[in-house]
Amino acid sequence: MCLAMPSKVVEILEGDMAVIELGGVKKTISLGLVEDVSAGDYVIVHVGYALSKVDEDEALKTLALFEEMTKAQGIAP
């Protein structure tokens, strides 16, 4: 099973690339499938590609739910 996660774009790079941050981890991804992305936007990321932009409120709600689930399962501190 694969899971796409909302992540915050922290830096736009050359060549349709960007740096995203998720849970304190930064990763370089491709923006080749999404238009008009700026630093501060949230995108849905799957296997190194941004698939779509997502509203910040919805992204934060989704991330909060994932954090709640991992804490309930004893995965997160």
Protein backbone atom coordinates (compact mmCIF):
# COMPACT_ATOMS: atom_id res chain seq x y z
CA MET A 1 0.00 0.00 0.00
CA CYS A 2 1.27 3.46 -0.86
CA LEU A 3 0.43 6.65 0.93
CA ALA A 4 0.57 10.23 -0.35
CA MET A 5 1.19 12.84 2.35
CA PRO A 6 0.58 16.60 2.44
CA SER A 7 3.90 18.41 2.78
CA LYS A 8 4.93 22.06 2.99
CA VAL A 9 7.06 23.50 0.20
CA VAL A 10 9.95 25.32 1.85
CA GLU A 11 12.04 26.18 -1.21
CA ILE A 12 11.57 26.30 -4.97
CA LEU A 13 14.57 25.04 -6.96
CA GLU A 14 15.47 25.17 -10.65
CA GLY A 15 14.12 22.62 -13.11
CA ASP A 16 10.64 22.07 -11.60
CA MET A 17 12.14 20.88 -8.31
CA ALA A 18 11.40 21.92 -4.73
CA VAL A 19 12.36 21.16 -1.15
CA ILE A 20 9.49 20.00 1.04
CA GLU A 21 9.32 19.44 4.79
CA LEU A 22 7.32 16.76 6.53
CA GLY A 23 7.74 15.99 10.21
CA GLY A 24 11.05 17.80 10.40
CA VAL A 25 12.49 15.90 7.43
CA LYS A 26 13.36 17.80 4.25
CA LYS A 27 13.39 16.17 0.83
CA THR A 28 13.81 17.32 -2.75
CA ILE A 29 10.84 16.48 -4.97
CA SER A 30 9.61 17.16 -8.50
CA LEU A 31 6.95 19.77 -9.21
CA GLY A 32 6.67 18.64 -12.83
CA LEU A 33 3.04 17.51 -12.41
CA VAL A 34 1.74 20.63 -10.61
CA GLU A 35 1.53 24.26 -11.72
CA ASP A 36 1.81 27.51 -9.75
CA VAL A 37 3.44 26.18 -6.59
CA SER A 38 5.21 28.65 -4.29
CA ALA A 39 7.18 28.35 -1.08
CA GLY A 40 4.69 28.03 1.77
CA ASP A 41 2.16 26.05 -0.27
CA TYR A 42 1.16 22.52 0.69
CA VAL A 43 1.28 19.74 -1.87
CA ILE A 44 0.33 16.07 -1.83
CA VAL A 45 3.59 14.13 -2.28
CA HIS A 46 3.94 10.54 -3.46
CA VAL A 47 7.22 8.80 -4.37
CA GLY A 48 9.08 12.07 -4.93
CA TYR A 49 6.44 13.89 -6.97
CA ALA A 50 3.97 16.58 -6.00
CA LEU A 51 0.61 15.35 -7.30
CA SER A 52 -1.54 18.37 -6.44
CA LYS A 53 -1.75 21.47 -4.31
CA VAL A 54 -3.86 21.26 -1.18
CA ASP A 55 -5.44 23.88 1.04
CA GLU A 56 -3.30 24.63 4.13
CA ASP A 57 -6.18 24.03 6.56
CA GLU A 58 -6.93 20.62 5.02
CA ALA A 59 -3.24 19.70 4.99
CA LEU A 60 -2.85 20.58 8.67
CA LYS A 61 -5.99 18.62 9.60
CA THR A 62 -4.71 15.57 7.72
CA LEU A 63 -1.27 15.79 9.34
CA ALA A 64 -2.87 16.12 12.79
CA LEU A 65 -4.94 12.97 12.15
CA PHE A 66 -1.85 11.00 11.12
CA GLU A 67 -0.03 12.18 14.24
CA GLU A 68 -2.99 11.17 16.41
CA MET A 69 -3.10 7.71 14.79
CA THR A 70 0.62 7.08 15.26
CA LYS A 71 0.48 8.17 18.89
CA ALA A 72 -2.48 5.88 19.52
CA GLN A 73 -0.50 2.98 18.06
CA GLY A 74 2.56 3.85 20.14
CA ILE A 75 4.63 4.67 17.05
CA ALA A 76 5.37 8.35 17.75
CA PRO A 77 6.84 9.81 20.93
